[in-house]
C-alpha atoms as a PDB file:
ATOM      1  CA  MET A   1      22.806  65.878   9.132  1.00  0.00           C
ATOM      2  CA  SER A   2      19.542  67.497   8.029  1.00  0.00           C
ATOM      3  CA  LEU A   3      16.613  65.131   7.575  1.00  0.00           C
ATOM      4  CA  PHE A   4      15.557  66.696   4.261  1.00  0.00           C
ATOM      5  CA  PRO A   5      18.377  65.243   2.118  1.00  0.00           C
ATOM      6  CA  ILE A   6      18.010  61.865   3.856  1.00  0.00           C
ATOM      7  CA  VAL A   7      14.302  61.789   3.065  1.00  0.00           C
ATOM      8  CA  GLY A   8      14.898  62.916  -0.512  1.00  0.00           C
ATOM      9  CA  ILE A   9      17.653  60.427  -1.196  1.00  0.00           C
ATOM     10  CA  GLY A  10      15.777  57.567   0.486  1.00  0.00           C
ATOM     11  CA  PHE A  11      12.607  58.277  -1.481  1.00  0.00           C
ATOM     12  CA  LEU A  12      14.437  58.541  -4.821  1.00  0.00           C
ATOM     13  CA  VAL A  13      16.423  55.354  -4.211  1.00  0.00           C
ATOM     14  CA  GLY A  14      13.217  53.515  -3.267  1.00  0.00           C
ATOM     15  CA  PHE A  15      11.346  54.877  -6.278  1.00  0.00           C
ATOM     16  CA  ARG A  16      14.169  53.894  -8.614  1.00  0.00           C
ATOM     17  CA  HIS A  17      14.450  50.508  -6.926  1.00  0.00           C
ATOM     18  CA  ALA A  18      10.870  49.690  -7.937  1.00  0.00           C
ATOM     19  CA  PHE A  19      11.845  49.822 -11.620  1.00  0.00           C
ATOM     20  CA  GLU A  20      14.401  47.018 -11.574  1.00  0.00           C
ATOM     21  CA  PRO A  21      13.626  44.388 -14.266  1.00  0.00           C
ATOM     22  CA  ASP A  22      12.808  41.536 -11.882  1.00  0.00           C
ATOM     23  CA  HIS A  23      10.512  43.785  -9.843  1.00  0.00           C
ATOM     24  CA  LEU A  24       8.694  44.982 -12.952  1.00  0.00           C
ATOM     25  CA  ALA A  25       8.352  41.444 -14.301  1.00  0.00           C
ATOM     26  CA  ALA A  26       6.697  40.166 -11.126  1.00  0.00           C
ATOM     27  CA  VAL A  27       4.207  42.956 -10.513  1.00  0.00           C
ATOM     28  CA  THR A  28       3.351  43.552 -14.175  1.00  0.00           C
ATOM     29  CA  THR A  29       2.539  39.872 -14.671  1.00  0.00           C
ATOM     30  CA  LEU A  30       0.332  39.828 -11.568  1.00  0.00           C
ATOM     31  CA  ALA A  31      -1.431  43.064 -12.542  1.00  0.00           C
ATOM     32  CA  MET A  32      -2.241  41.765 -16.025  1.00  0.00           C
ATOM     33  CA  ARG A  33      -3.896  38.619 -14.704  1.00  0.00           C
ATOM     34  CA  ARG A  34      -6.966  40.580 -13.629  1.00  0.00           C
ATOM     35  CA  GLY A  35      -7.833  44.071 -14.815  1.00  0.00           C
ATOM     36  CA  GLY A  36      -9.039  46.986 -12.744  1.00  0.00           C
ATOM     37  CA  TRP A  37      -7.188  49.954 -11.344  1.00  0.00           C
ATOM     38  CA  SER A  38      -8.099  49.277  -7.698  1.00  0.00           C
ATOM     39  CA  HIS A  39      -6.814  45.713  -7.807  1.00  0.00           C
ATOM     40  CA  SER A  40      -3.626  46.832  -9.532  1.00  0.00           C
ATOM     41  CA  ALA A  41      -3.058  49.533  -6.928  1.00  0.00           C
ATOM     42  CA  ARG A  42      -3.434  46.964  -4.145  1.00  0.00           C
ATOM     43  CA  LEU A  43      -0.805  44.788  -5.812  1.00  0.00           C
ATOM     44  CA  GLY A  44       1.691  47.651  -5.923  1.00  0.00           C
ATOM     45  CA  VAL A  45       1.081  48.603  -2.294  1.00  0.00           C
ATOM     46  CA  ALA A  46       1.340  44.961  -1.155  1.00  0.00           C
ATOM     47  CA  TRP A  47       4.612  44.466  -3.039  1.00  0.00           C
ATOM     48  CA  GLY A  48       6.108  47.662  -1.640  1.00  0.00           C
ATOM     49  CA  LEU A  49       5.043  46.827   1.914  1.00  0.00           C
ATOM     50  CA  GLY A  50       6.461  43.312   1.716  1.00  0.00           C
ATOM     51  CA  HIS A  51       9.746  44.589   0.321  1.00  0.00           C
ATOM     52  CA  THR A  52      10.059  47.317   2.959  1.00  0.00           C
ATOM     53  CA  VAL A  53       9.241  44.962   5.840  1.00  0.00           C
ATOM     54  CA  SER A  54      11.861  42.389   4.822  1.00  0.00           C
ATOM     55  CA  VAL A  55      14.525  45.077   4.313  1.00  0.00           C
ATOM     56  CA  ALA A  56      13.626  46.578   7.706  1.00  0.00           C
ATOM     57  CA  VAL A  57      13.950  43.203   9.453  1.00  0.00           C
ATOM     58  CA  VAL A  58      17.380  42.509   7.975  1.00  0.00           C
ATOM     59  CA  ALA A  59      18.527  46.075   8.670  1.00  0.00           C
ATOM     60  CA  THR A  60      17.360  45.772  12.288  1.00  0.00           C
ATOM     61  CA  VAL A  61      19.339  42.555  12.728  1.00  0.00           C
ATOM     62  CA  LEU A  62      22.434  44.239  11.349  1.00  0.00           C
ATOM     63  CA  ILE A  63      22.081  47.486  13.275  1.00  0.00           C
ATOM     64  CA  LEU A  64      20.801  46.389  16.678  1.00  0.00           C
ATOM     65  CA  LEU A  65      22.277  42.915  17.046  1.00  0.00           C
ATOM     66  CA  GLY A  66      25.466  43.421  15.066  1.00  0.00           C
ATOM     67  CA  ILE A  67      24.944  40.150  13.192  1.00  0.00           C
ATOM     68  CA  ARG A  68      26.568  39.922   9.788  1.00  0.00           C
ATOM     69  CA  VAL A  69      24.378  38.162   7.218  1.00  0.00           C
ATOM     70  CA  PRO A  70      26.406  35.714   5.068  1.00  0.00           C
ATOM     71  CA  GLU A  71      26.740  36.614   1.397  1.00  0.00           C
ATOM     72  CA  ARG A  72      25.327  33.247   0.357  1.00  0.00           C
ATOM     73  CA  PHE A  73      22.062  34.181   2.087  1.00  0.00           C
ATOM     74  CA  TYR A  74      21.459  36.926  -0.469  1.00  0.00           C
ATOM     75  CA  SER A  75      22.508  34.646  -3.349  1.00  0.00           C
ATOM     76  CA  THR A  76      20.057  32.001  -2.175  1.00  0.00           C
ATOM     77  CA  ALA A  77      17.324  34.620  -1.969  1.00  0.00           C
ATOM     78  CA  GLU A  78      18.151  35.742  -5.528  1.00  0.00           C
ATOM     79  CA  LEU A  79      17.739  32.155  -6.723  1.00  0.00           C
ATOM     80  CA  GLY A  80      14.433  31.991  -4.879  1.00  0.00           C
ATOM     81  CA  VAL A  81      13.243  35.145  -6.640  1.00  0.00           C
ATOM     82  CA  ALA A  82      14.348  33.706  -9.983  1.00  0.00           C
ATOM     83  CA  ALA A  83      12.383  30.514  -9.322  1.00  0.00           C
ATOM     84  CA  LEU A  84       9.308  32.502  -8.286  1.00  0.00           C
ATOM     85  CA  LEU A  85       9.461  34.565 -11.476  1.00  0.00           C
ATOM     86  CA  VAL A  86       9.645  31.432 -13.623  1.00  0.00           C
ATOM     87  CA  ILE A  87       6.780  29.795 -11.706  1.00  0.00           C
ATOM     88  CA  LEU A  88       4.715  32.982 -12.005  1.00  0.00           C
ATOM     89  CA  GLY A  89       5.307  33.164 -15.756  1.00  0.00           C
ATOM     90  CA  VAL A  90       4.528  29.490 -16.374  1.00  0.00           C
ATOM     91  CA  THR A  91       1.375  29.511 -14.220  1.00  0.00           C
ATOM     92  CA  SER A  92       0.200  32.695 -15.950  1.00  0.00           C
ATOM     93  CA  LEU A  93       0.580  31.005 -19.338  1.00  0.00           C
ATOM     94  CA  TRP A  94      -1.305  27.979 -18.009  1.00  0.00           C
ATOM     95  CA  GLN A  95      -4.106  30.184 -16.691  1.00  0.00           C
ATOM     96  CA  GLU A  96      -4.280  31.989 -20.020  1.00  0.00           C
ATOM     97  CA  ALA A  97      -4.679  28.653 -21.791  1.00  0.00           C
ATOM     98  CA  ARG A  98      -7.458  27.675 -19.380  1.00  0.00           C
ATOM     99  CA  ARG A  99      -9.120  31.058 -19.860  1.00  0.00           C
ATOM    100  CA  HIS A 100      -9.040  30.592 -23.612  1.00  0.00           C
ATOM    101  CA  ARG A 101     -10.655  27.149 -23.395  1.00  0.00           C
ATOM    102  CA  ALA A 102     -13.333  28.365 -21.010  1.00  0.00           C
ATOM    103  CA  SER A 103     -14.084  31.605 -22.878  1.00  0.00           C
ATOM    104  CA  LEU A 104     -16.337  29.926 -25.434  1.00  0.00           C
ATOM    105  CA  GLY A 105     -18.987  29.085 -22.857  1.00  0.00           C
ATOM    106  CA  SER A 106     -18.400  31.612 -20.108  1.00  0.00           C
ATOM    107  CA  ALA A 107     -18.972  35.026 -21.685  1.00  0.00           C
ATOM    108  CA  HIS A 108     -21.900  35.732 -19.384  1.00  0.00           C
ATOM    109  CA  VAL A 109     -19.931  34.790 -16.272  1.00  0.00           C
ATOM    110  CA  ALA A 110     -16.974  36.911 -17.338  1.00  0.00           C
ATOM    111  CA  ALA A 111     -19.204  39.928 -17.928  1.00  0.00           C
ATOM    112  CA  HIS A 112     -20.789  39.514 -14.479  1.00  0.00           C
ATOM    113  CA  GLU A 113     -17.366  39.279 -12.780  1.00  0.00           C
ATOM    114  CA  ALA A 114     -16.176  42.384 -14.595  1.00  0.00           C
ATOM    115  CA  ARG A 115     -19.080  44.362 -13.103  1.00  0.00           C
ATOM    116  CA  ASP A 116     -18.784  42.881  -9.599  1.00  0.00           C
ATOM    117  CA  PRO A 117     -17.113  45.493  -7.350  1.00  0.00           C
ATOM    118  CA  HIS A 118     -16.344  43.013  -4.560  1.00  0.00           C
ATOM    119  CA  LEU A 119     -12.939  41.526  -3.923  1.00  0.00           C
ATOM    120  CA  HIS A 120     -12.782  38.047  -5.466  1.00  0.00           C
ATOM    121  CA  PRO A 121     -10.730  35.153  -4.042  1.00  0.00           C
ATOM    122  CA  GLY A 122      -8.456  35.410  -7.097  1.00  0.00           C
ATOM    123  CA  GLU A 123      -7.717  39.041  -6.254  1.00  0.00           C
ATOM    124  CA  LEU A 124      -6.899  38.107  -2.660  1.00  0.00           C
ATOM    125  CA  ARG A 125      -4.497  35.444  -3.895  1.00  0.00           C
ATOM    126  CA  SER A 126      -2.839  37.907  -6.271  1.00  0.00           C
ATOM    127  CA  THR A 127      -2.425  40.454  -3.472  1.00  0.00           C
ATOM    128  CA  SER A 128      -0.885  37.858  -1.152  1.00  0.00           C
ATOM    129  CA  ARG A 129       1.438  36.759  -3.955  1.00  0.00           C
ATOM    130  CA  ALA A 130       2.520  40.370  -4.492  1.00  0.00           C
ATOM    131  CA  LEU A 131       3.208  40.680  -0.765  1.00  0.00           C
ATOM    132  CA  GLY A 132       5.263  37.473  -0.841  1.00  0.00           C
ATOM    133  CA  PHE A 133       7.190  38.636  -3.898  1.00  0.00           C
ATOM    134  CA  GLY A 134       7.995  41.889  -2.150  1.00  0.00           C
ATOM    135  CA  VAL A 135       9.335  40.038   0.890  1.00  0.00           C
ATOM    136  CA  ALA A 136      11.450  37.762  -1.310  1.00  0.00           C
ATOM    137  CA  HIS A 137      12.860  40.674  -3.313  1.00  0.00           C
ATOM    138  CA  GLY A 138      13.720  42.528  -0.121  1.00  0.00           C
ATOM    139  CA  LEU A 139      15.808  39.557   1.019  1.00  0.00           C
ATOM    140  CA  ALA A 140      17.589  39.196  -2.314  1.00  0.00           C
ATOM    141  CA  GLY A 141      20.788  40.804  -3.511  1.00  0.00           C
ATOM    142  CA  SER A 142      19.306  44.142  -4.566  1.00  0.00           C
ATOM    143  CA  GLY A 143      17.710  44.469  -1.148  1.00  0.00           C
ATOM    144  CA  ALA A 144      21.091  43.804   0.436  1.00  0.00           C
ATOM    145  CA  VAL A 145      22.418  47.015  -1.087  1.00  0.00           C
ATOM    146  CA  ILE A 146      19.615  48.972   0.567  1.00  0.00           C
ATOM    147  CA  VAL A 147      20.326  47.273   3.905  1.00  0.00           C
ATOM    148  CA  LEU A 148      23.953  48.361   3.690  1.00  0.00           C
ATOM    149  CA  LEU A 149      22.930  51.939   2.883  1.00  0.00           C
ATOM    150  CA  VAL A 150      20.639  51.992   5.913  1.00  0.00           C
ATOM    151  CA  ALA A 151      23.336  50.547   8.152  1.00  0.00           C
ATOM    152  CA  ALA A 152      25.823  53.136   6.907  1.00  0.00           C
ATOM    153  CA  ALA A 153      23.784  56.043   8.283  1.00  0.00           C
ATOM    154  CA  THR A 154      25.473  57.786  11.201  1.00  0.00           C
ATOM    155  CA  SER A 155      22.622  57.692  13.732  1.00  0.00           C
ATOM    156  CA  LEU A 156      19.525  55.657  14.565  1.00  0.00           C
ATOM    157  CA  ARG A 157      17.357  58.641  13.615  1.00  0.00           C
ATOM    158  CA  ASP A 158      18.957  58.827  10.176  1.00  0.00           C
ATOM    159  CA  GLN A 159      18.662  55.071   9.695  1.00  0.00           C
ATOM    160  CA  VAL A 160      14.965  55.013  10.533  1.00  0.00           C
ATOM    161  CA  THR A 161      14.300  58.107   8.413  1.00  0.00           C
ATOM    162  CA  TYR A 162      16.157  56.707   5.414  1.00  0.00           C
ATOM    163  CA  LEU A 163      14.412  53.344   5.693  1.00  0.00           C
ATOM    164  CA  GLY A 164      10.990  54.999   5.981  1.00  0.00           C
ATOM    165  CA  ALA A 165      11.612  57.270   2.998  1.00  0.00           C
ATOM    166  CA  PHE A 166      12.946  54.346   0.989  1.00  0.00           C
ATOM    167  CA  GLY A 167       9.850  52.300   1.815  1.00  0.00           C
ATOM    168  CA  ILE A 168       7.507  55.098   0.768  1.00  0.00           C
ATOM    169  CA  GLY A 169       9.430  55.611  -2.465  1.00  0.00           C
ATOM    170  CA  THR A 170       9.289  51.891  -3.232  1.00  0.00           C
ATOM    171  CA  ILE A 171       5.551  51.717  -2.562  1.00  0.00           C
ATOM    172  CA  VAL A 172       4.848  54.806  -4.670  1.00  0.00           C
ATOM    173  CA  GLY A 173       6.987  53.562  -7.561  1.00  0.00           C
ATOM    174  CA  MET A 174       5.583  50.037  -7.614  1.00  0.00           C
ATOM    175  CA  THR A 175       2.001  51.225  -7.126  1.00  0.00           C
ATOM    176  CA  GLY A 176       2.429  53.567 -10.085  1.00  0.00           C
ATOM    177  CA  VAL A 177       3.772  50.764 -12.269  1.00  0.00           C
ATOM    178  CA  SER A 178       1.059  48.321 -11.224  1.00  0.00           C
ATOM    179  CA  LEU A 179      -1.714  50.918 -11.537  1.00  0.00           C
ATOM    180  CA  LEU A 180      -0.630  51.952 -15.030  1.00  0.00           C
ATOM    181  CA  THR A 181      -0.419  48.305 -16.076  1.00  0.00           C
ATOM    182  CA  GLY A 182      -3.909  47.592 -14.795  1.00  0.00           C
ATOM    183  CA  ILE A 183      -5.420  50.665 -16.452  1.00  0.00           C
ATOM    184  CA  VAL A 184      -3.796  49.937 -19.819  1.00  0.00           C
ATOM    185  CA  THR A 185      -4.736  46.259 -19.702  1.00  0.00           C
ATOM    186  CA  GLY A 186      -8.340  47.058 -18.737  1.00  0.00           C
ATOM    187  CA  ALA A 187      -8.683  49.647 -21.501  1.00  0.00           C
ATOM    188  CA  VAL A 188      -7.235  47.299 -24.110  1.00  0.00           C
ATOM    189  CA  ALA A 189      -9.409  44.402 -22.926  1.00  0.00           C
ATOM    190  CA  ARG A 190     -12.585  46.434 -23.381  1.00  0.00           C
ATOM    191  CA  SER A 191     -11.867  47.228 -27.013  1.00  0.00           C
ATOM    192  CA  HIS A 192      -9.340  44.690 -28.290  1.00  0.00           C
ATOM    193  CA  ARG A 193      -9.628  41.303 -26.625  1.00  0.00           C
ATOM    194  CA  ARG A 194      -6.866  39.674 -28.677  1.00  0.00           C
ATOM    195  CA  ALA A 195      -4.478  42.505 -27.897  1.00  0.00           C
ATOM    196  CA  ALA A 196      -5.217  42.074 -24.178  1.00  0.00           C
ATOM    197  CA  VAL A 197      -4.435  38.368 -24.451  1.00  0.00           C
ATOM    198  CA  SER A 198      -1.172  39.213 -26.206  1.00  0.00           C
ATOM    199  CA  LEU A 199      -0.247  41.619 -23.401  1.00  0.00           C
ATOM    200  CA  ARG A 200      -0.877  38.999 -20.718  1.00  0.00           C
ATOM    201  CA  VAL A 201       1.042  36.323 -22.611  1.00  0.00           C
ATOM    202  CA  GLY A 202       3.895  38.746 -23.239  1.00  0.00           C
ATOM    203  CA  ALA A 203       4.094  39.629 -19.550  1.00  0.00           C
ATOM    204  CA  ALA A 204       4.140  35.936 -18.610  1.00  0.00           C
ATOM    205  CA  VAL A 205       6.894  35.180 -21.124  1.00  0.00           C
ATOM    206  CA  ALA A 206       8.886  38.185 -19.886  1.00  0.00           C
ATOM    207  CA  SER A 207       8.537  37.006 -16.273  1.00  0.00           C
ATOM    208  CA  THR A 208       9.841  33.564 -17.226  1.00  0.00           C
ATOM    209  CA  ALA A 209      12.730  35.010 -19.230  1.00  0.00           C
ATOM    210  CA  VAL A 210      13.770  37.446 -16.484  1.00  0.00           C
ATOM    211  CA  GLY A 211      13.629  34.634 -13.929  1.00  0.00           C
ATOM    212  CA  LEU A 212      15.843  32.401 -16.052  1.00  0.00           C
ATOM    213  CA  MET A 213      18.353  35.186 -16.675  1.00  0.00           C
ATOM    214  CA  LEU A 214      18.430  36.144 -12.998  1.00  0.00           C
ATOM    215  CA  GLY A 215      18.989  32.538 -11.997  1.00  0.00           C
ATOM    216  CA  TRP A 216      21.748  32.100 -14.552  1.00  0.00           C
ATOM    217  CA  THR A 217      23.617  35.268 -13.570  1.00  0.00           C
ATOM    218  CA  THR A 218      23.336  34.346  -9.882  1.00  0.00           C
ATOM    219  CA  LEU A 219      24.674  30.838 -10.427  1.00  0.00           C
ATOM    220  CA  THR A 220      27.535  32.032 -12.639  1.00  0.00           C
ATOM    221  CA  GLY A 221      28.465  34.898 -10.321  1.00  0.00           C
END
């Protein structure tokens, strides 16, 4: 089979995969915690890399070792993702409350941090969280579908090509989502502070709601 359709299909599936509700909820919430297009882009890349690595590991186990992963493994991973989404949403709301209390006496500090081009510890934590979320999502049920598609390819060359194209598509899609979120949030924050707060709170609430719904649907089958 020609590599061109494999690359095209893999890229499109990966790009589309980035727009699933639980994926969007996680990365959007993280991107809104701290503005800036560069930080948001790093979040998207980290999420996509983590997702691709975990899918590649599971696919390698299936293809090379012939080990069949139990279905309950993917269900457990889905519950883990649901819990992470709820925790992310709740902690984001808690941080927003802390930010509101501290804003009265920290305007100067906030302005200095906004101009500081260096990578802050908070940004490093957000990037590592995005990487962890990507790994968790790759192990969950939606990632299992991708693993099966990779395993179904007729040759090792096709499997590697499809997985690589899928990974690139996922990274591009999630980076685009995260970058757009960061740009919009930063622009709103500069002109309408209350609207920016509403966006961050809305993203946190959405993350919590998506996590609860994902957990419920997983538990009820």
